[in-house]
C-alpha atoms as a PDB file:
ATOM      1  CA  MET A   1     133.930  56.421 212.272  1.00  0.00           C
ATOM      2  CA  CYS A   2     131.700  56.112 215.317  1.00  0.00           C
ATOM      3  CA  HIS A   3     129.596  52.999 215.853  1.00  0.00           C
ATOM      4  CA  ALA A   4     126.658  52.799 218.235  1.00  0.00           C
ATOM      5  CA  ALA A   5     124.725  49.786 219.400  1.00  0.00           C
ATOM      6  CA  LEU A   6     121.044  49.801 220.302  1.00  0.00           C
ATOM      7  CA  TRP A   7     119.519  47.078 222.425  1.00  0.00           C
ATOM      8  CA  LEU A   8     115.775  46.556 222.546  1.00  0.00           C
ATOM      9  CA  TYR A   9     114.375  45.008 225.674  1.00  0.00           C
ATOM     10  CA  THR A  10     111.363  42.742 225.285  1.00  0.00           C
ATOM     11  CA  PHE A  11     109.545  40.432 227.661  1.00  0.00           C
ATOM     12  CA  GLU A  12     106.569  38.145 227.672  1.00  0.00           C
ATOM     13  CA  ALA A  13     103.453  39.429 229.422  1.00  0.00           C
ATOM     14  CA  GLU A  14     102.832  36.186 231.273  1.00  0.00           C
ATOM     15  CA  ASP A  15     106.323  36.339 232.847  1.00  0.00           C
ATOM     16  CA  TYR A  16     105.424  39.505 234.775  1.00  0.00           C
ATOM     17  CA  ASN A  17     101.612  39.441 234.987  1.00  0.00           C
ATOM     18  CA  VAL A  18     101.446  42.333 232.539  1.00  0.00           C
ATOM     19  CA  PRO A  19      98.331  42.756 230.398  1.00  0.00           C
ATOM     20  CA  ALA A  20      98.950  41.412 226.898  1.00  0.00           C
ATOM     21  CA  HIS A  21      98.103  44.717 225.190  1.00  0.00           C
ATOM     22  CA  ILE A  22     101.242  46.360 226.627  1.00  0.00           C
ATOM     23  CA  SER A  23     103.662  43.459 226.371  1.00  0.00           C
ATOM     24  CA  LYS A  24     105.145  44.320 222.980  1.00  0.00           C
ATOM     25  CA  HIS A  25     106.655  47.587 221.840  1.00  0.00           C
ATOM     26  CA  SER A  26     105.939  49.296 218.561  1.00  0.00           C
ATOM     27  CA  GLU A  27     107.660  52.073 216.667  1.00  0.00           C
ATOM     28  CA  THR A  28     105.243  54.537 218.254  1.00  0.00           C
ATOM     29  CA  ASP A  29     106.375  53.644 221.782  1.00  0.00           C
ATOM     30  CA  MET A  30     109.059  56.027 223.082  1.00  0.00           C
ATOM     31  CA  ALA A  31     111.522  55.533 220.221  1.00  0.00           C
ATOM     32  CA  GLY A  32     110.876  51.774 220.131  1.00  0.00           C
ATOM     33  CA  HIS A  33     111.720  51.283 223.794  1.00  0.00           C
ATOM     34  CA  ASN A  34     109.611  50.098 226.711  1.00  0.00           C
ATOM     35  CA  ILE A  35     111.436  52.548 228.982  1.00  0.00           C
ATOM     36  CA  PRO A  36     111.380  56.273 228.095  1.00  0.00           C
ATOM     37  CA  HIS A  37     114.721  57.621 226.845  1.00  0.00           C
ATOM     38  CA  PHE A  38     115.678  61.278 227.212  1.00  0.00           C
ATOM     39  CA  GLN A  39     118.509  63.361 225.714  1.00  0.00           C
ATOM     40  CA  ASN A  40     119.873  66.827 226.384  1.00  0.00           C
ATOM     41  CA  ASP A  41     120.989  68.224 223.019  1.00  0.00           C
ATOM     42  CA  GLY A  42     120.098  71.716 224.240  1.00  0.00           C
ATOM     43  CA  GLY A  43     122.461  71.603 227.221  1.00  0.00           C
ATOM     44  CA  HIS A  44     119.654  72.328 229.691  1.00  0.00           C
ATOM     45  CA  ARG A  45     120.569  72.379 233.376  1.00  0.00           C
ATOM     46  CA  VAL A  46     117.200  70.868 234.390  1.00  0.00           C
ATOM     47  CA  ILE A  47     114.788  68.672 232.430  1.00  0.00           C
ATOM     48  CA  GLU A  48     111.360  67.891 233.857  1.00  0.00           C
ATOM     49  CA  VAL A  49     109.989  64.446 232.988  1.00  0.00           C
ATOM     50  CA  GLY A  50     106.695  62.665 233.652  1.00  0.00           C
ATOM     51  CA  VAL A  51     108.246  59.376 234.815  1.00  0.00           C
ATOM     52  CA  LYS A  52     110.561  58.310 237.620  1.00  0.00           C
ATOM     53  CA  GLU A  53     112.267  55.451 235.753  1.00  0.00           C
ATOM     54  CA  PHE A  54     113.956  56.197 232.432  1.00  0.00           C
ATOM     55  CA  MET A  55     117.165  56.099 230.406  1.00  0.00           C
ATOM     56  CA  CYS A  56     119.463  59.078 229.878  1.00  0.00           C
ATOM     57  CA  THR A  57     121.387  59.106 226.589  1.00  0.00           C
ATOM     58  CA  GLY A  58     123.173  62.411 227.125  1.00  0.00           C
ATOM     59  CA  ALA A  59     122.724  63.711 223.584  1.00  0.00           C
ATOM     60  CA  SER A  60     121.658  62.392 220.215  1.00  0.00           C
ATOM     61  CA  VAL A  61     123.879  59.942 218.326  1.00  0.00           C
ATOM     62  CA  PRO A  62     126.829  60.202 217.727  1.00  0.00           C
ATOM     63  CA  PHE A  63     127.350  62.481 220.732  1.00  0.00           C
ATOM     64  CA  ASP A  64     125.529  60.251 223.225  1.00  0.00           C
ATOM     65  CA  HIS A  65     127.040  58.739 226.351  1.00  0.00           C
ATOM     66  CA  PRO A  66     126.342  55.168 227.505  1.00  0.00           C
ATOM     67  CA  HIS A  67     122.574  54.915 227.888  1.00  0.00           C
ATOM     68  CA  ILE A  68     122.038  54.542 231.620  1.00  0.00           C
ATOM     69  CA  PHE A  69     118.957  53.611 233.612  1.00  0.00           C
ATOM     70  CA  ILE A  70     117.904  56.194 236.194  1.00  0.00           C
ATOM     71  CA  ASP A  71     115.414  55.384 238.948  1.00  0.00           C
ATOM     72  CA  MET A  72     114.321  58.312 241.128  1.00  0.00           C
ATOM     73  CA  GLY A  73     112.729  56.007 243.685  1.00  0.00           C
ATOM     74  CA  ASP A  74     111.047  58.126 246.366  1.00  0.00           C
ATOM     75  CA  ASP A  75     112.955  61.253 245.286  1.00  0.00           C
ATOM     76  CA  ASN A  76     111.674  63.816 242.790  1.00  0.00           C
ATOM     77  CA  GLU A  77     115.089  64.677 241.321  1.00  0.00           C
ATOM     78  CA  LYS A  78     118.109  62.756 240.105  1.00  0.00           C
ATOM     79  CA  VAL A  79     121.369  63.814 238.419  1.00  0.00           C
ATOM     80  CA  CYS A  80     122.786  61.763 235.534  1.00  0.00           C
ATOM     81  CA  SER A  81     126.244  60.550 236.555  1.00  0.00           C
ATOM     82  CA  TYR A  82     127.566  60.958 232.993  1.00  0.00           C
ATOM     83  CA  CYS A  83     126.269  64.306 231.731  1.00  0.00           C
ATOM     84  CA  SER A  84     125.217  65.961 235.029  1.00  0.00           C
ATOM     85  CA  THR A  85     121.732  66.753 233.722  1.00  0.00           C
ATOM     86  CA  LEU A  86     119.319  67.249 236.623  1.00  0.00           C
ATOM     87  CA  TYR A  87     116.085  65.369 235.926  1.00  0.00           C
ATOM     88  CA  ARG A  88     113.061  66.526 237.923  1.00  0.00           C
ATOM     89  CA  PHE A  89     109.766  64.608 238.159  1.00  0.00           C
ATOM     90  CA  ASN A  90     106.667  66.553 237.096  1.00  0.00           C
ATOM     91  CA  GLY A  91     103.484  64.501 237.519  1.00  0.00           C
ATOM     92  CA  ALA A  92     101.587  66.808 235.153  1.00  0.00           C
ATOM     93  CA  LEU A  93     103.713  65.584 232.205  1.00  0.00           C
ATOM     94  CA  LYS A  94     102.990  62.453 230.171  1.00  0.00           C
ATOM     95  CA  PRO A  95     105.812  59.873 229.739  1.00  0.00           C
ATOM     96  CA  SER A  96     106.358  61.227 226.220  1.00  0.00           C
ATOM     97  CA  GLN A  97     106.679  64.877 227.333  1.00  0.00           C
ATOM     98  CA  THR A  98     109.521  66.947 228.751  1.00  0.00           C
ATOM     99  CA  ASN A  99     109.942  70.507 229.932  1.00  0.00           C
ATOM    100  CA  PRO A 100     111.650  72.051 228.079  1.00  0.00           C
ATOM    101  CA  ALA A 101     110.085  70.308 225.102  1.00  0.00           C
ATOM    102  CA  GLY A 102     112.212  68.301 222.671  1.00  0.00           C
ATOM    103  CA  CYS A 103     114.235  66.158 225.088  1.00  0.00           C
ATOM    104  CA  VAL A 104     112.695  62.779 224.194  1.00  0.00           C
ATOM    105  CA  PHE A 105     115.287  60.547 222.498  1.00  0.00           C
ATOM    106  CA  HIS A 106     114.187  59.365 219.029  1.00  0.00           C
ATOM    107  CA  VAL A 107     115.927  56.724 216.931  1.00  0.00           C
ATOM    108  CA  LYS A 108     116.775  58.270 213.579  1.00  0.00           C
ATOM    109  CA  ALA A 109     116.588  56.111 210.466  1.00  0.00           C
ATOM    110  CA  ALA A 110     119.863  55.571 208.632  1.00  0.00           C
END
């Protein structure tokens, strides 16, 4: 049997001078996370994303790899060190969109 752990990161708005209306996550926020999470169930060579800081999960549970934080910095592309997916920044996409579509990681209810 495979077991997976999910950590949710929360912070207080006053700790980081963040407006109070965005300090807490909800189930409608990127699979319950403050940082967008992306997966590559389709085995795509390149996934375009609308953010430069995100988590790569590899694939959906139970075939995911350790969820790693990727920061593109000043670059517009970054390769995941686990699954070798090339992520490319596309400023025309929203944080909840990918090209090809369907690569946003969603927590599935048990």
